[in-house]
């Protein structure tokens, strides 16, 4: 590997997928304040992610509704308002 091509803060980081519960140890420069132990017994910085290759429908082949921000409820509210308006016009 070539010397001096990585940034100074490049290190191993645990990426924790909150949807699937899987964890990945990957080299990164991401800033994080939490740490956790990995399978080798060493402490590493931890970064939480909502979607990774372990939970994304493209990689898993399954369809899931991941609603962390209330998007489904907002859509249902908008859809019910539109259906009420179209029902009044008829």
PDB file of N, CA and C in Angstrom:
ATOM      1  N   UNK A   1       0.843  -1.171   0.000  1.00  0.00           N
ATOM      2  CA  UNK A   1       0.000   0.000   0.000  1.00  0.00           C
ATOM      3  C   UNK A   1       0.896   1.246   0.000  1.00  0.00           C
ATOM      4  N   UNK A   2       0.474   2.254  -0.717  1.00  0.00           N
ATOM      5  CA  UNK A   2       1.235   3.495  -0.795  1.00  0.00           C
ATOM      6  C   UNK A   2       1.200   4.224   0.546  1.00  0.00           C
ATOM      7  N   UNK A   3       2.285   4.874   0.875  1.00  0.00           N
ATOM      8  CA  UNK A   3       2.358   5.636   2.123  1.00  0.00           C
ATOM      9  C   UNK A   3       1.703   6.999   1.942  1.00  0.00           C
ATOM     10  N   UNK A   4       1.163   7.511   3.028  1.00  0.00           N
ATOM     11  CA  UNK A   4       0.610   8.866   3.111  1.00  0.00           C
ATOM     12  C   UNK A   4      -0.521   9.152   2.129  1.00  0.00           C
ATOM     13  N   UNK A   5      -1.349   8.155   1.806  1.00  0.00           N
ATOM     14  CA  UNK A   5      -2.490   8.423   0.932  1.00  0.00           C
ATOM     15  C   UNK A   5      -3.796   8.540   1.722  1.00  0.00           C
ATOM     16  N   UNK A   6      -3.802   8.064   2.973  1.00  0.00           N
ATOM     17  CA  UNK A   6      -5.009   8.159   3.795  1.00  0.00           C
ATOM     18  C   UNK A   6      -4.934   9.377   4.714  1.00  0.00           C
ATOM     19  N   UNK A   7      -6.078   9.962   5.029  1.00  0.00           N
ATOM     20  CA  UNK A   7      -6.087  11.088   5.976  1.00  0.00           C
ATOM     21  C   UNK A   7      -5.562  10.646   7.351  1.00  0.00           C
ATOM     22  N   UNK A   8      -5.159  11.596   8.152  1.00  0.00           N
ATOM     23  CA  UNK A   8      -4.577  11.296   9.461  1.00  0.00           C
ATOM     24  C   UNK A   8      -5.583  10.625  10.398  1.00  0.00           C
ATOM     25  N   UNK A   9      -6.877  10.927  10.268  1.00  0.00           N
ATOM     26  CA  UNK A   9      -7.873  10.357  11.176  1.00  0.00           C
ATOM     27  C   UNK A   9      -8.529   9.082  10.614  1.00  0.00           C
ATOM     28  N   UNK A  10      -7.911   8.435   9.652  1.00  0.00           N
ATOM     29  CA  UNK A  10      -8.423   7.187   9.087  1.00  0.00           C
ATOM     30  C   UNK A  10      -8.170   6.058  10.089  1.00  0.00           C
ATOM     31  N   UNK A  11      -9.246   5.351  10.496  1.00  0.00           N
ATOM     32  CA  UNK A  11      -9.138   4.279  11.468  1.00  0.00           C
ATOM     33  C   UNK A  11     -10.289   3.303  11.290  1.00  0.00           C
ATOM     34  N   UNK A  12     -10.265   2.195  12.001  1.00  0.00           N
ATOM     35  CA  UNK A  12     -11.342   1.211  11.963  1.00  0.00           C
ATOM     36  C   UNK A  12     -12.526   1.738  12.770  1.00  0.00           C
ATOM     37  N   UNK A  13     -13.749   1.624  12.218  1.00  0.00           N
ATOM     38  CA  UNK A  13     -14.971   2.099  12.865  1.00  0.00           C
ATOM     39  C   UNK A  13     -16.028   1.005  12.746  1.00  0.00           C
ATOM     40  N   UNK A  14     -16.803   0.809  13.817  1.00  0.00           N
ATOM     41  CA  UNK A  14     -17.920  -0.134  13.794  1.00  0.00           C
ATOM     42  C   UNK A  14     -19.147   0.617  13.301  1.00  0.00           C
ATOM     43  N   UNK A  15     -19.748   0.135  12.206  1.00  0.00           N
ATOM     44  CA  UNK A  15     -21.016   0.683  11.726  1.00  0.00           C
ATOM     45  C   UNK A  15     -22.115  -0.254  12.193  1.00  0.00           C
ATOM     46  N   UNK A  16     -23.033   0.264  13.021  1.00  0.00           N
ATOM     47  CA  UNK A  16     -24.090  -0.529  13.632  1.00  0.00           C
ATOM     48  C   UNK A  16     -25.407  -0.239  12.919  1.00  0.00           C
ATOM     49  N   UNK A  17     -25.957  -1.235  12.210  1.00  0.00           N
ATOM     50  CA  UNK A  17     -27.227  -1.096  11.491  1.00  0.00           C
ATOM     51  C   UNK A  17     -28.369  -1.318  12.479  1.00  0.00           C
ATOM     52  N   UNK A  18     -29.100  -0.258  12.808  1.00  0.00           N
ATOM     53  CA  UNK A  18     -30.168  -0.359  13.804  1.00  0.00           C
ATOM     54  C   UNK A  18     -31.380  -1.130  13.285  1.00  0.00           C
ATOM     55  N   UNK A  19     -31.552  -1.237  11.987  1.00  0.00           N
ATOM     56  CA  UNK A  19     -32.693  -1.956  11.424  1.00  0.00           C
ATOM     57  C   UNK A  19     -32.501  -3.467  11.489  1.00  0.00           C
ATOM     58  N   UNK A  20     -31.328  -3.945  11.098  1.00  0.00           N
ATOM     59  CA  UNK A  20     -31.102  -5.385  11.045  1.00  0.00           C
ATOM     60  C   UNK A  20     -30.339  -5.922  12.252  1.00  0.00           C
ATOM     61  N   UNK A  21     -29.664  -5.051  12.987  1.00  0.00           N
ATOM     62  CA  UNK A  21     -28.873  -5.496  14.125  1.00  0.00           C
ATOM     63  C   UNK A  21     -27.471  -5.955  13.750  1.00  0.00           C
ATOM     64  N   UNK A  22     -27.111  -5.877  12.480  1.00  0.00           N
ATOM     65  CA  UNK A  22     -25.777  -6.285  12.027  1.00  0.00           C
ATOM     66  C   UNK A  22     -24.773  -5.170  12.311  1.00  0.00           C
ATOM     67  N   UNK A  23     -23.522  -5.572  12.484  1.00  0.00           N
ATOM     68  CA  UNK A  23     -22.438  -4.625  12.718  1.00  0.00           C
ATOM     69  C   UNK A  23     -21.302  -4.931  11.753  1.00  0.00           C
ATOM     70  N   UNK A  24     -20.655  -3.868  11.253  1.00  0.00           N
ATOM     71  CA  UNK A  24     -19.563  -3.990  10.303  1.00  0.00           C
ATOM     72  C   UNK A  24     -18.362  -3.215  10.821  1.00  0.00           C
ATOM     73  N   UNK A  25     -17.176  -3.779  10.709  1.00  0.00           N
ATOM     74  CA  UNK A  25     -15.941  -3.086  11.071  1.00  0.00           C
ATOM     75  C   UNK A  25     -15.255  -2.664   9.774  1.00  0.00           C
ATOM     76  N   UNK A  26     -15.231  -1.354   9.528  1.00  0.00           N
ATOM     77  CA  UNK A  26     -14.755  -0.811   8.260  1.00  0.00           C
ATOM     78  C   UNK A  26     -13.845   0.385   8.542  1.00  0.00           C
ATOM     79  N   UNK A  27     -12.845   0.579   7.712  1.00  0.00           N
ATOM     80  CA  UNK A  27     -11.989   1.752   7.830  1.00  0.00           C
ATOM     81  C   UNK A  27     -12.736   2.998   7.397  1.00  0.00           C
ATOM     82  N   UNK A  28     -12.632   4.080   8.201  1.00  0.00           N
ATOM     83  CA  UNK A  28     -13.371   5.300   7.901  1.00  0.00           C
ATOM     84  C   UNK A  28     -12.735   6.500   8.588  1.00  0.00           C
ATOM     85  N   UNK A  29     -13.134   7.691   8.145  1.00  0.00           N
ATOM     86  CA  UNK A  29     -12.708   8.941   8.784  1.00  0.00           C
ATOM     87  C   UNK A  29     -13.866   9.622   9.496  1.00  0.00           C
ATOM     88  N   UNK A  30     -15.015   8.953   9.597  1.00  0.00           N
ATOM     89  CA  UNK A  30     -16.208   9.551  10.196  1.00  0.00           C
ATOM     90  C   UNK A  30     -15.957   9.886  11.667  1.00  0.00           C
ATOM     91  N   UNK A  31     -16.529  10.991  12.124  1.00  0.00           N
ATOM     92  CA  UNK A  31     -16.373  11.431  13.503  1.00  0.00           C
ATOM     93  C   UNK A  31     -17.479  10.837  14.361  1.00  0.00           C
ATOM     94  N   UNK A  32     -17.126  10.285  15.500  1.00  0.00           N
ATOM     95  CA  UNK A  32     -18.103   9.684  16.398  1.00  0.00           C
ATOM     96  C   UNK A  32     -17.631   9.827  17.840  1.00  0.00           C
ATOM     97  N   UNK A  33     -18.571   9.820  18.770  1.00  0.00           N
ATOM     98  CA  UNK A  33     -18.212   9.978  20.180  1.00  0.00           C
ATOM     99  C   UNK A  33     -18.360   8.683  20.972  1.00  0.00           C
ATOM    100  N   UNK A  34     -19.108   7.706  20.437  1.00  0.00           N
ATOM    101  CA  UNK A  34     -19.319   6.442  21.150  1.00  0.00           C
ATOM    102  C   UNK A  34     -18.261   5.414  20.764  1.00  0.00           C
ATOM    103  N   UNK A  35     -18.003   4.492  21.684  1.00  0.00           N
ATOM    104  CA  UNK A  35     -17.116   3.368  21.408  1.00  0.00           C
ATOM    105  C   UNK A  35     -17.774   2.084  21.879  1.00  0.00           C
ATOM    106  N   UNK A  36     -17.330   0.959  21.313  1.00  0.00           N
ATOM    107  CA  UNK A  36     -17.841  -0.352  21.717  1.00  0.00           C
ATOM    108  C   UNK A  36     -16.778  -1.401  21.433  1.00  0.00           C
ATOM    109  N   UNK A  37     -16.946  -2.569  22.060  1.00  0.00           N
ATOM    110  CA  UNK A  37     -16.006  -3.660  21.825  1.00  0.00           C
ATOM    111  C   UNK A  37     -16.437  -4.456  20.617  1.00  0.00           C
ATOM    112  N   UNK A  38     -15.454  -4.867  19.828  1.00  0.00           N
ATOM    113  CA  UNK A  38     -15.679  -5.704  18.656  1.00  0.00           C
ATOM    114  C   UNK A  38     -15.396  -7.152  19.038  1.00  0.00           C
ATOM    115  N   UNK A  39     -15.593  -8.070  18.124  1.00  0.00           N
ATOM    116  CA  UNK A  39     -15.419  -9.497  18.375  1.00  0.00           C
ATOM    117  C   UNK A  39     -13.991  -9.856  18.786  1.00  0.00           C
ATOM    118  N   UNK A  40     -13.013  -9.036  18.397  1.00  0.00           N
ATOM    119  CA  UNK A  40     -11.623  -9.314  18.749  1.00  0.00           C
ATOM    120  C   UNK A  40     -11.258  -8.805  20.144  1.00  0.00           C
ATOM    121  N   UNK A  41     -12.230  -8.176  20.844  1.00  0.00           N
ATOM    122  CA  UNK A  41     -12.007  -7.675  22.191  1.00  0.00           C
ATOM    123  C   UNK A  41     -11.477  -6.260  22.265  1.00  0.00           C
ATOM    124  N   UNK A  42     -11.189  -5.632  21.133  1.00  0.00           N
ATOM    125  CA  UNK A  42     -10.673  -4.263  21.114  1.00  0.00           C
ATOM    126  C   UNK A  42     -11.814  -3.258  21.062  1.00  0.00           C
ATOM    127  N   UNK A  43     -11.548  -2.050  21.576  1.00  0.00           N
ATOM    128  CA  UNK A  43     -12.502  -0.932  21.544  1.00  0.00           C
ATOM    129  C   UNK A  43     -12.353  -0.175  20.235  1.00  0.00           C
ATOM    130  N   UNK A  44     -13.495   0.111  19.590  1.00  0.00           N
ATOM    131  CA  UNK A  44     -13.513   0.873  18.344  1.00  0.00           C
ATOM    132  C   UNK A  44     -14.606   1.929  18.419  1.00  0.00           C
ATOM    133  N   UNK A  45     -14.470   3.029  17.678  1.00  0.00           N
ATOM    134  CA  UNK A  45     -15.562   4.014  17.590  1.00  0.00           C
ATOM    135  C   UNK A  45     -16.773   3.374  16.906  1.00  0.00           C
ATOM    136  N   UNK A  46     -17.979   3.816  17.294  1.00  0.00           N
ATOM    137  CA  UNK A  46     -19.220   3.264  16.744  1.00  0.00           C
ATOM    138  C   UNK A  46     -20.015   4.369  16.079  1.00  0.00           C
ATOM    139  N   UNK A  47     -20.577   4.060  14.889  1.00  0.00           N
ATOM    140  CA  UNK A  47     -21.471   4.979  14.193  1.00  0.00           C
ATOM    141  C   UNK A  47     -22.748   4.217  13.847  1.00  0.00           C
ATOM    142  N   UNK A  48     -23.910   4.747  14.245  1.00  0.00           N
ATOM    143  CA  UNK A  48     -25.193   4.092  13.983  1.00  0.00           C
ATOM    144  C   UNK A  48     -25.744   4.510  12.630  1.00  0.00           C
ATOM    145  N   UNK A  49     -26.205   3.532  11.850  1.00  0.00           N
ATOM    146  CA  UNK A  49     -26.836   3.781  10.556  1.00  0.00           C
ATOM    147  C   UNK A  49     -28.204   3.119  10.552  1.00  0.00           C
ATOM    148  N   UNK A  50     -29.140   3.655   9.777  1.00  0.00           N
ATOM    149  CA  UNK A  50     -30.480   3.075   9.703  1.00  0.00           C
ATOM    150  C   UNK A  50     -30.583   2.013   8.625  1.00  0.00           C
ATOM    151  N   UNK A  51     -29.831   2.157   7.542  1.00  0.00           N
ATOM    152  CA  UNK A  51     -29.902   1.204   6.442  1.00  0.00           C
ATOM    153  C   UNK A  51     -28.480   0.867   5.986  1.00  0.00           C
ATOM    154  N   UNK A  52     -28.225  -0.418   5.797  1.00  0.00           N
ATOM    155  CA  UNK A  52     -26.949  -0.883   5.254  1.00  0.00           C
ATOM    156  C   UNK A  52     -27.249  -2.002   4.266  1.00  0.00           C
ATOM    157  N   UNK A  53     -26.221  -2.654   3.776  1.00  0.00           N
ATOM    158  CA  UNK A  53     -26.438  -3.770   2.849  1.00  0.00           C
ATOM    159  C   UNK A  53     -27.163  -4.931   3.528  1.00  0.00           C
ATOM    160  N   UNK A  54     -27.138  -4.983   4.860  1.00  0.00           N
ATOM    161  CA  UNK A  54     -27.823  -6.058   5.588  1.00  0.00           C
ATOM    162  C   UNK A  54     -29.329  -5.822   5.685  1.00  0.00           C
ATOM    163  N   UNK A  55     -29.779  -4.580   5.479  1.00  0.00           N
ATOM    164  CA  UNK A  55     -31.205  -4.291   5.616  1.00  0.00           C
ATOM    165  C   UNK A  55     -31.838  -3.662   4.387  1.00  0.00           C
ATOM    166  N   UNK A  56     -31.048  -3.249   3.404  1.00  0.00           N
ATOM    167  CA  UNK A  56     -31.593  -2.593   2.218  1.00  0.00           C
ATOM    168  C   UNK A  56     -32.293  -3.614   1.321  1.00  0.00           C
ATOM    169  N   UNK A  57     -33.515  -3.312   0.845  1.00  0.00           N
ATOM    170  CA  UNK A  57     -34.268  -4.266   0.012  1.00  0.00           C
ATOM    171  C   UNK A  57     -33.533  -4.707  -1.252  1.00  0.00           C
ATOM    172  N   UNK A  58     -32.701  -3.871  -1.830  1.00  0.00           N
ATOM    173  CA  UNK A  58     -31.969  -4.258  -3.039  1.00  0.00           C
ATOM    174  C   UNK A  58     -31.040  -5.437  -2.759  1.00  0.00           C
ATOM    175  N   UNK A  59     -30.381  -5.428  -1.609  1.00  0.00           N
ATOM    176  CA  UNK A  59     -29.430  -6.482  -1.269  1.00  0.00           C
ATOM    177  C   UNK A  59     -30.106  -7.693  -0.626  1.00  0.00           C
ATOM    178  N   UNK A  60     -31.186  -7.477   0.129  1.00  0.00           N
ATOM    179  CA  UNK A  60     -31.829  -8.591   0.827  1.00  0.00           C
ATOM    180  C   UNK A  60     -32.860  -9.299  -0.040  1.00  0.00           C
ATOM    181  N   UNK A  61     -33.412  -8.614  -1.030  1.00  0.00           N
ATOM    182  CA  UNK A  61     -34.426  -9.214  -1.884  1.00  0.00           C
ATOM    183  C   UNK A  61     -35.806  -9.221  -1.259  1.00  0.00           C
ATOM    184  N   UNK A  62     -35.961  -8.600  -0.110  1.00  0.00           N
ATOM    185  CA  UNK A  62     -37.260  -8.509   0.550  1.00  0.00           C
ATOM    186  C   UNK A  62     -37.693  -7.059   0.621  1.00  0.00           C
ATOM    187  N   UNK A  63     -38.986  -6.845   0.636  1.00  0.00           N
ATOM    188  CA  UNK A  63     -39.517  -5.495   0.703  1.00  0.00           C
ATOM    189  C   UNK A  63     -39.950  -5.207   2.126  1.00  0.00           C
ATOM    190  N   UNK A  64     -39.442  -4.121   2.709  1.00  0.00           N
ATOM    191  CA  UNK A  64     -39.798  -3.707   4.061  1.00  0.00           C
ATOM    192  C   UNK A  64     -40.214  -2.251   4.023  1.00  0.00           C
ATOM    193  N   UNK A  65     -41.090  -1.881   4.917  1.00  0.00           N
ATOM    194  CA  UNK A  65     -41.420  -0.478   5.092  1.00  0.00           C
ATOM    195  C   UNK A  65     -40.668   0.007   6.318  1.00  0.00           C
ATOM    196  N   UNK A  66     -39.675   0.860   6.103  1.00  0.00           N
ATOM    197  CA  UNK A  66     -38.898   1.424   7.198  1.00  0.00           C
ATOM    198  C   UNK A  66     -39.378   2.848   7.376  1.00  0.00           C
ATOM    199  N   UNK A  67     -40.088   3.075   8.464  1.00  0.00           N
ATOM    200  CA  UNK A  67     -40.715   4.371   8.682  1.00  0.00           C
ATOM    201  C   UNK A  67     -40.171   4.993   9.956  1.00  0.00           C
ATOM    202  N   UNK A  68     -39.067   5.690   9.856  1.00  0.00           N
ATOM    203  CA  UNK A  68     -38.478   6.305  11.038  1.00  0.00           C
ATOM    204  C   UNK A  68     -38.935   7.743  11.219  1.00  0.00           C
ATOM    205  N   UNK A  69     -39.489   8.347  10.196  1.00  0.00           N
ATOM    206  CA  UNK A  69     -39.842   9.767  10.290  1.00  0.00           C
ATOM    207  C   UNK A  69     -41.338   9.998  10.124  1.00  0.00           C
ATOM    208  N   UNK A  70     -42.177   8.960  10.180  1.00  0.00           N
ATOM    209  CA  UNK A  70     -43.615   9.127  10.045  1.00  0.00           C
ATOM    210  C   UNK A  70     -44.062   9.382   8.627  1.00  0.00           C
ATOM    211  N   UNK A  71     -43.293   8.934   7.646  1.00  0.00           N
ATOM    212  CA  UNK A  71     -43.604   9.207   6.244  1.00  0.00           C
ATOM    213  C   UNK A  71     -44.892   8.523   5.814  1.00  0.00           C
ATOM    214  N   UNK A  72     -45.123   7.309   6.289  1.00  0.00           N
ATOM    215  CA  UNK A  72     -46.330   6.573   5.901  1.00  0.00           C
ATOM    216  C   UNK A  72     -47.572   7.287   6.422  1.00  0.00           C
ATOM    217  N   UNK A  73     -47.527   7.729   7.674  1.00  0.00           N
ATOM    218  CA  UNK A  73     -48.677   8.431   8.252  1.00  0.00           C
ATOM    219  C   UNK A  73     -48.956   9.739   7.509  1.00  0.00           C
ATOM    220  N   UNK A  74     -47.906  10.462   7.141  1.00  0.00           N
ATOM    221  CA  UNK A  74     -48.085  11.707   6.399  1.00  0.00           C
ATOM    222  C   UNK A  74     -48.738  11.436   5.042  1.00  0.00           C
ATOM    223  N   UNK A  75     -48.311  10.373   4.378  1.00  0.00           N
ATOM    224  CA  UNK A  75     -48.894  10.028   3.088  1.00  0.00           C
ATOM    225  C   UNK A  75     -50.357   9.640   3.251  1.00  0.00           C
ATOM    226  N   UNK A  76     -50.673   8.835   4.265  1.00  0.00           N
ATOM    227  CA  UNK A  76     -52.058   8.416   4.479  1.00  0.00           C
ATOM    228  C   UNK A  76     -52.953   9.621   4.775  1.00  0.00           C
ATOM    229  N   UNK A  77     -52.444  10.587   5.531  1.00  0.00           N
ATOM    230  CA  UNK A  77     -53.207  11.793   5.834  1.00  0.00           C
ATOM    231  C   UNK A  77     -53.483  12.586   4.564  1.00  0.00           C
ATOM    232  N   UNK A  78     -52.455  12.763   3.722  1.00  0.00           N
ATOM    233  CA  UNK A  78     -52.644  13.480   2.458  1.00  0.00           C
ATOM    234  C   UNK A  78     -53.617  12.735   1.548  1.00  0.00           C
ATOM    235  N   UNK A  79     -53.491  11.433   1.485  1.00  0.00           N
ATOM    236  CA  UNK A  79     -54.344  10.635   0.607  1.00  0.00           C
ATOM    237  C   UNK A  79     -55.797  10.686   1.069  1.00  0.00           C
ATOM    238  N   UNK A  80     -56.029  10.673   2.388  1.00  0.00           N
ATOM    239  CA  UNK A  80     -57.414  10.732   2.876  1.00  0.00           C
ATOM    240  C   UNK A  80     -58.037  12.101   2.594  1.00  0.00           C
ATOM    241  N   UNK A  81     -57.244  13.181   2.668  1.00  0.00           N
ATOM    242  CA  UNK A  81     -57.750  14.518   2.350  1.00  0.00           C
ATOM    243  C   UNK A  81     -58.157  14.601   0.880  1.00  0.00           C
ATOM    244  N   UNK A  82     -57.344  14.028   0.012  1.00  0.00           N
ATOM    245  CA  UNK A  82     -57.648  14.059  -1.437  1.00  0.00           C
ATOM    246  C   UNK A  82     -58.885  13.226  -1.735  1.00  0.00           C
ATOM    247  N   UNK A  83     -59.010  12.059  -1.089  1.00  0.00           N
ATOM    248  CA  UNK A  83     -60.185  11.221  -1.361  1.00  0.00           C
ATOM    249  C   UNK A  83     -61.464  11.874  -0.835  1.00  0.00           C
ATOM    250  N   UNK A  84     -61.380  12.630   0.267  1.00  0.00           N
ATOM    251  CA  UNK A  84     -62.551  13.340   0.777  1.00  0.00           C
ATOM    252  C   UNK A  84     -62.962  14.438  -0.186  1.00  0.00           C
ATOM    253  N   UNK A  85     -61.987  15.155  -0.766  1.00  0.00           N
ATOM    254  CA  UNK A  85     -62.294  16.225  -1.716  1.00  0.00           C
ATOM    255  C   UNK A  85     -62.946  15.668  -2.978  1.00  0.00           C
ATOM    256  N   UNK A  86     -62.446  14.551  -3.456  1.00  0.00           N
ATOM    257  CA  UNK A  86     -63.031  13.950  -4.679  1.00  0.00           C
ATOM    258  C   UNK A  86     -64.399  13.376  -4.387  1.00  0.00           C
ATOM    259  N   UNK A  87     -64.664  12.915  -3.173  1.00  0.00           N
ATOM    260  CA  UNK A  87     -65.969  12.383  -2.821  1.00  0.00           C
ATOM    261  C   UNK A  87     -67.007  13.515  -2.745  1.00  0.00           C
ATOM    262  N   UNK A  88     -66.616  14.702  -2.294  1.00  0.00           N
ATOM    263  CA  UNK A  88     -67.529  15.852  -2.218  1.00  0.00           C
ATOM    264  C   UNK A  88     -67.903  16.352  -3.595  1.00  0.00           C
ATOM    265  N   UNK A  89     -66.980  16.268  -4.557  1.00  0.00           N
ATOM    266  CA  UNK A  89     -67.239  16.767  -5.914  1.00  0.00           C
ATOM    267  C   UNK A  89     -68.246  15.892  -6.647  1.00  0.00           C
ATOM    268  N   UNK A  90     -68.364  14.639  -6.296  1.00  0.00           N
ATOM    269  CA  UNK A  90     -69.250  13.716  -7.018  1.00  0.00           C
ATOM    270  C   UNK A  90     -70.679  13.906  -6.680  1.00  0.00           C
TER     271      UNK A  90
END
